Amino acid sequence: MSQKDIFKKSEGDAWFIRNQDGLKNKNMGLDPIVTEFKNLISAKLIDSSLNKKIRILEVGCGDGSRGKYISELLDCEYYGVDPSQRAVVAAVQNGLIASVGTAEALPYDDNFFDVIIYGFCLYLCDREDLTAISCEANRVLRADSWLMVLDFFAEKETENAYHHHKSVKSFKMDYRKVFEVTHSYTCYFHKIMDHETFEYTYNKDNWIAVSLMRKNAL
């Protein structure tokens, strides 16, 4: 069974149940994705007043806490996709337009979004789906729009045990490479930091990275 099927069948809900208290208590003001959103808004690189309402998609949206916070910063339509039915219910309660799904098959029209966020989900995706994930991002993202990734980071891809399910592996890599395979992106920001403190660290086992990339027009 593929990892996406395991998460859709049971592990997505199990993950949500294990982490729901932590999600509720998380300080979103310190979240690296939120920080970069604030920088985009401050620099006027994203502004809903310029045309129509901004459309944002978060893949692996969880309970929608990040989306709720960002929606208070910016007038937007905030969508979410998650393999957990329980998470989707919570995300809808937090104001997202959310549905059950996975990253390699997004249920949206072409050129629909101004921003896509991948917040700690790619490390659990099937490796054979990475090209499809990249193609789906390119399909639903408008030209000159933004892609944000927050995930585990390694200079060379590594495979690790996933302690909550014996049939699942987790993977660390530079996830910018996933999207650069099928399209051209300009990386505006990339920071490697500690998983818990968001500060610089020499401990490679604790590395995560936040990346801000702009999809270039063809």
Protein backbone atom coordinates (compact mmCIF):
# COMPACT_ATOMS: atom_id res chain seq x y z
CA MET A 1 0.00 0.00 0.00
CA SER A 2 1.32 3.45 -0.88
CA GLN A 3 2.03 5.99 1.85
CA LYS A 4 -0.71 8.29 0.57
CA ASP A 5 -3.24 5.43 0.83
CA ILE A 6 -2.09 4.65 4.38
CA PHE A 7 -2.62 8.28 5.35
CA LYS A 8 -6.00 8.49 3.65
CA LYS A 9 -7.12 5.22 5.23
CA SER A 10 -6.03 5.74 8.83
CA GLU A 11 -2.71 7.44 9.59
CA GLY A 12 -3.89 10.92 8.56
CA ASP A 13 -6.58 10.86 11.24
CA ALA A 14 -4.18 9.21 13.71
CA TRP A 15 -1.64 12.00 13.10
CA PHE A 16 -4.30 14.63 13.65
CA ILE A 17 -5.49 13.05 16.90
CA ARG A 18 -1.89 12.85 18.22
CA ASN A 19 -1.14 16.46 17.34
CA GLN A 20 -4.42 18.36 17.69
CA ASP A 21 -3.61 19.84 21.10
CA GLY A 22 -0.22 21.03 19.87
CA LEU A 23 -1.81 22.59 16.79
CA LYS A 24 -4.32 24.49 18.91
CA ASN A 25 -1.58 25.83 21.21
CA LYS A 26 0.97 26.67 18.50
CA ASN A 27 2.07 30.30 18.32
CA MET A 28 1.44 31.01 14.64
CA GLY A 29 3.14 34.38 14.93
CA LEU A 30 6.46 32.50 15.10
CA ASP A 31 5.69 30.12 12.24
CA PRO A 32 8.33 30.47 9.44
CA ILE A 33 5.67 30.39 6.69
CA VAL A 34 3.71 33.15 8.43
CA THR A 35 6.90 35.18 8.81
CA GLU A 36 7.52 35.01 5.06
CA PHE A 37 3.90 35.93 4.37
CA LYS A 38 4.34 39.03 6.49
CA ASN A 39 7.48 39.89 4.53
CA LEU A 40 5.62 39.51 1.22
CA ILE A 41 2.82 41.75 2.43
CA SER A 42 5.24 44.33 3.83
CA ALA A 43 7.13 44.44 0.52
CA LYS A 44 3.81 44.73 -1.37
CA LEU A 45 4.70 41.66 -3.40
CA ILE A 46 1.29 40.23 -2.60
CA ASP A 47 -1.68 42.55 -2.21
CA SER A 48 -5.35 41.68 -2.69
CA SER A 49 -6.21 45.34 -3.27
CA LEU A 50 -4.37 45.31 -6.61
CA ASN A 51 -6.93 43.16 -8.40
CA LYS A 52 -9.11 40.37 -7.12
CA LYS A 53 -9.02 38.47 -3.86
CA ILE A 54 -5.85 36.40 -3.43
CA ARG A 55 -6.33 32.63 -3.60
CA ILE A 56 -4.08 30.53 -1.37
CA LEU A 57 -3.81 26.74 -1.17
CA GLU A 58 -2.21 24.92 1.75
CA VAL A 59 -1.38 21.28 1.05
CA GLY A 60 -1.35 19.39 4.33
CA CYS A 61 -3.42 22.09 6.00
CA GLY A 62 -4.07 20.20 9.26
CA ASP A 63 -6.67 21.95 11.39
CA GLY A 64 -6.37 25.20 9.42
CA SER A 65 -4.65 27.19 12.17
CA ARG A 66 -2.07 28.65 9.81
CA GLY A 67 -4.76 29.49 7.27
CA LYS A 68 -6.90 31.20 9.87
CA TYR A 69 -3.95 33.33 10.99
CA ILE A 70 -2.93 34.31 7.45
CA SER A 71 -6.54 35.12 6.56
CA GLU A 72 -6.51 37.71 9.33
CA LEU A 73 -3.43 39.32 7.75
CA LEU A 74 -4.64 39.35 4.16
CA ASP A 75 -8.01 39.48 2.43
CA CYS A 76 -7.95 36.11 0.68
CA GLU A 77 -9.72 32.89 -0.20
CA TYR A 78 -7.83 30.23 1.73
CA TYR A 79 -8.13 26.62 0.54
CA GLY A 80 -6.81 23.49 2.20
CA VAL A 81 -6.14 19.86 1.29
CA ASP A 82 -5.36 17.13 3.81
CA PRO A 83 -5.62 13.31 3.82
CA SER A 84 -7.32 13.42 7.24
CA GLN A 85 -11.09 13.78 7.33
CA ARG A 86 -10.87 14.94 10.94
CA ALA A 87 -8.37 17.63 10.01
CA VAL A 88 -10.56 18.85 7.16
CA VAL A 89 -13.56 19.20 9.46
CA ALA A 90 -11.45 21.29 11.86
CA ALA A 91 -10.05 23.36 8.97
CA VAL A 92 -13.55 24.20 7.73
CA GLN A 93 -14.45 25.29 11.25
CA ASN A 94 -11.41 27.61 11.09
CA GLY A 95 -12.73 29.22 7.92
CA LEU A 96 -10.86 27.32 5.21
CA ILE A 97 -12.37 25.96 2.01
CA ALA A 98 -11.00 22.51 2.72
CA SER A 99 -11.29 19.04 1.22
CA VAL A 100 -9.79 15.59 1.66
CA GLY A 101 -6.98 14.94 -0.80
CA THR A 102 -3.28 14.53 -1.43
CA ALA A 103 -0.61 16.55 -3.19
CA GLU A 104 -0.27 14.57 -6.41
CA ALA A 105 -3.93 15.05 -7.46
CA LEU A 106 -5.21 18.52 -6.56
CA PRO A 107 -8.96 19.01 -7.18
CA TYR A 108 -8.66 22.51 -8.66
CA ASP A 109 -8.69 24.22 -12.06
CA ASP A 110 -5.61 25.29 -13.98
CA ASN A 111 -4.04 28.65 -13.05
CA PHE A 112 -6.28 28.97 -10.00
CA PHE A 113 -3.95 29.98 -7.16
CA ASP A 114 -1.66 32.89 -6.34
CA VAL A 115 0.16 31.01 -3.54
CA ILE A 116 0.69 27.34 -2.69
CA ILE A 117 2.02 26.31 0.73
CA TYR A 118 3.49 22.90 1.56
CA GLY A 119 3.81 22.90 5.34
CA PHE A 120 5.48 19.72 6.60
CA CYS A 121 3.85 17.20 4.30
CA LEU A 122 6.33 16.44 1.53
CA TYR A 123 8.60 14.40 3.81
CA LEU A 124 5.88 11.74 4.00
CA CYS A 125 4.94 11.66 0.31
CA ASP A 126 5.71 8.65 -1.88
CA ARG A 127 8.93 9.29 -3.77
CA GLU A 128 7.36 8.09 -7.01
CA ASP A 129 4.74 10.86 -6.66
CA LEU A 130 7.21 13.77 -6.49
CA THR A 131 7.09 14.53 -10.21
CA ALA A 132 3.29 14.45 -10.18
CA ILE A 133 3.29 16.73 -7.13
CA SER A 134 5.50 19.21 -8.97
CA CYS A 135 3.34 19.05 -12.10
CA GLU A 136 0.17 19.64 -10.09
CA ALA A 137 1.70 22.68 -8.40
CA ASN A 138 2.66 24.11 -11.78
CA ARG A 139 -0.78 23.37 -13.19
CA VAL A 140 -2.83 25.12 -10.50
CA LEU A 141 -0.39 28.01 -9.88
CA ARG A 142 -0.65 31.13 -12.00
CA ALA A 143 2.51 32.45 -13.63
CA ASP A 144 4.49 34.82 -11.42
CA SER A 145 2.87 33.38 -8.29
CA TRP A 146 4.43 32.11 -5.08
CA LEU A 147 5.31 28.68 -3.73
CA MET A 148 6.31 28.17 -0.09
CA VAL A 149 7.79 25.04 1.45
CA LEU A 150 8.48 24.26 5.10
CA ASP A 151 9.90 20.80 5.67
CA PHE A 152 12.80 18.71 6.88
CA PHE A 153 16.04 19.53 5.10
CA ALA A 154 19.14 17.58 4.10
CA GLU A 155 21.82 18.32 1.53
CA LYS A 156 21.45 14.77 0.18
CA GLU A 157 18.22 12.82 0.38
CA THR A 158 17.96 10.53 3.40
CA GLU A 159 15.38 7.91 4.33
CA ASN A 160 14.27 7.39 7.92
CA ALA A 161 11.84 5.22 9.85
CA TYR A 162 8.45 6.74 10.64
CA HIS A 163 7.88 5.70 14.23
CA HIS A 164 4.08 5.73 14.14
CA HIS A 165 3.56 3.21 11.31
CA LYS A 166 5.95 0.42 10.30
CA SER A 167 5.04 0.65 6.60
CA VAL A 168 5.78 4.38 6.29
CA LYS A 169 9.13 6.08 5.69
CA SER A 170 10.02 9.75 6.09
CA PHE A 171 12.44 11.56 3.82
CA LYS A 172 14.70 14.58 4.16
CA MET A 173 16.03 16.55 1.18
CA ASP A 174 16.18 19.99 -0.36
CA TYR A 175 12.54 20.17 -1.42
CA ARG A 176 13.12 23.08 -3.78
CA LYS A 177 14.47 20.47 -6.20
CA VAL A 178 11.06 18.79 -6.46
CA PHE A 179 9.55 21.81 -8.14
CA GLU A 180 12.55 22.83 -10.20
CA VAL A 181 12.32 19.54 -12.11
CA THR A 182 9.26 20.55 -14.15
CA HIS A 183 9.34 24.35 -14.18
CA SER A 184 11.51 27.38 -13.61
CA TYR A 185 11.44 29.07 -10.21
CA THR A 186 13.37 31.93 -8.67
CA CYS A 187 14.25 31.30 -5.04
CA TYR A 188 13.74 34.53 -3.11
CA PHE A 189 14.45 33.13 0.33
CA HIS A 190 15.83 29.90 1.80
CA LYS A 191 16.72 29.47 5.45
CA ILE A 192 17.97 26.36 7.23
CA MET A 193 17.11 26.30 10.92
CA ASP A 194 16.47 24.18 13.98
CA HIS A 195 13.23 22.20 14.01
CA GLU A 196 12.21 23.38 17.48
CA THR A 197 13.74 26.82 17.97
CA PHE A 198 13.76 28.17 14.37
CA GLU A 199 17.32 29.37 15.09
CA TYR A 200 20.55 28.43 13.30
CA THR A 201 22.08 25.12 14.35
CA TYR A 202 25.02 22.88 13.49
CA ASN A 203 22.93 19.81 14.34
CA LYS A 204 21.99 18.42 10.94
CA ASP A 205 19.55 15.96 12.50
CA ASN A 206 17.40 18.94 13.54
CA TRP A 207 17.50 20.78 10.23
CA ILE A 208 14.37 22.11 8.62
CA ALA A 209 14.17 24.72 5.88
CA VAL A 210 11.68 27.34 4.79
CA SER A 211 11.83 28.27 1.09
CA LEU A 212 10.04 31.01 -0.80
CA MET A 213 9.99 30.55 -4.58
CA ARG A 214 8.38 32.48 -7.41
CA LYS A 215 7.08 30.58 -10.42
CA ASN A 216 8.51 32.19 -13.53
CA ALA A 217 6.34 32.97 -16.52
CA LEU A 218 6.97 30.79 -19.55
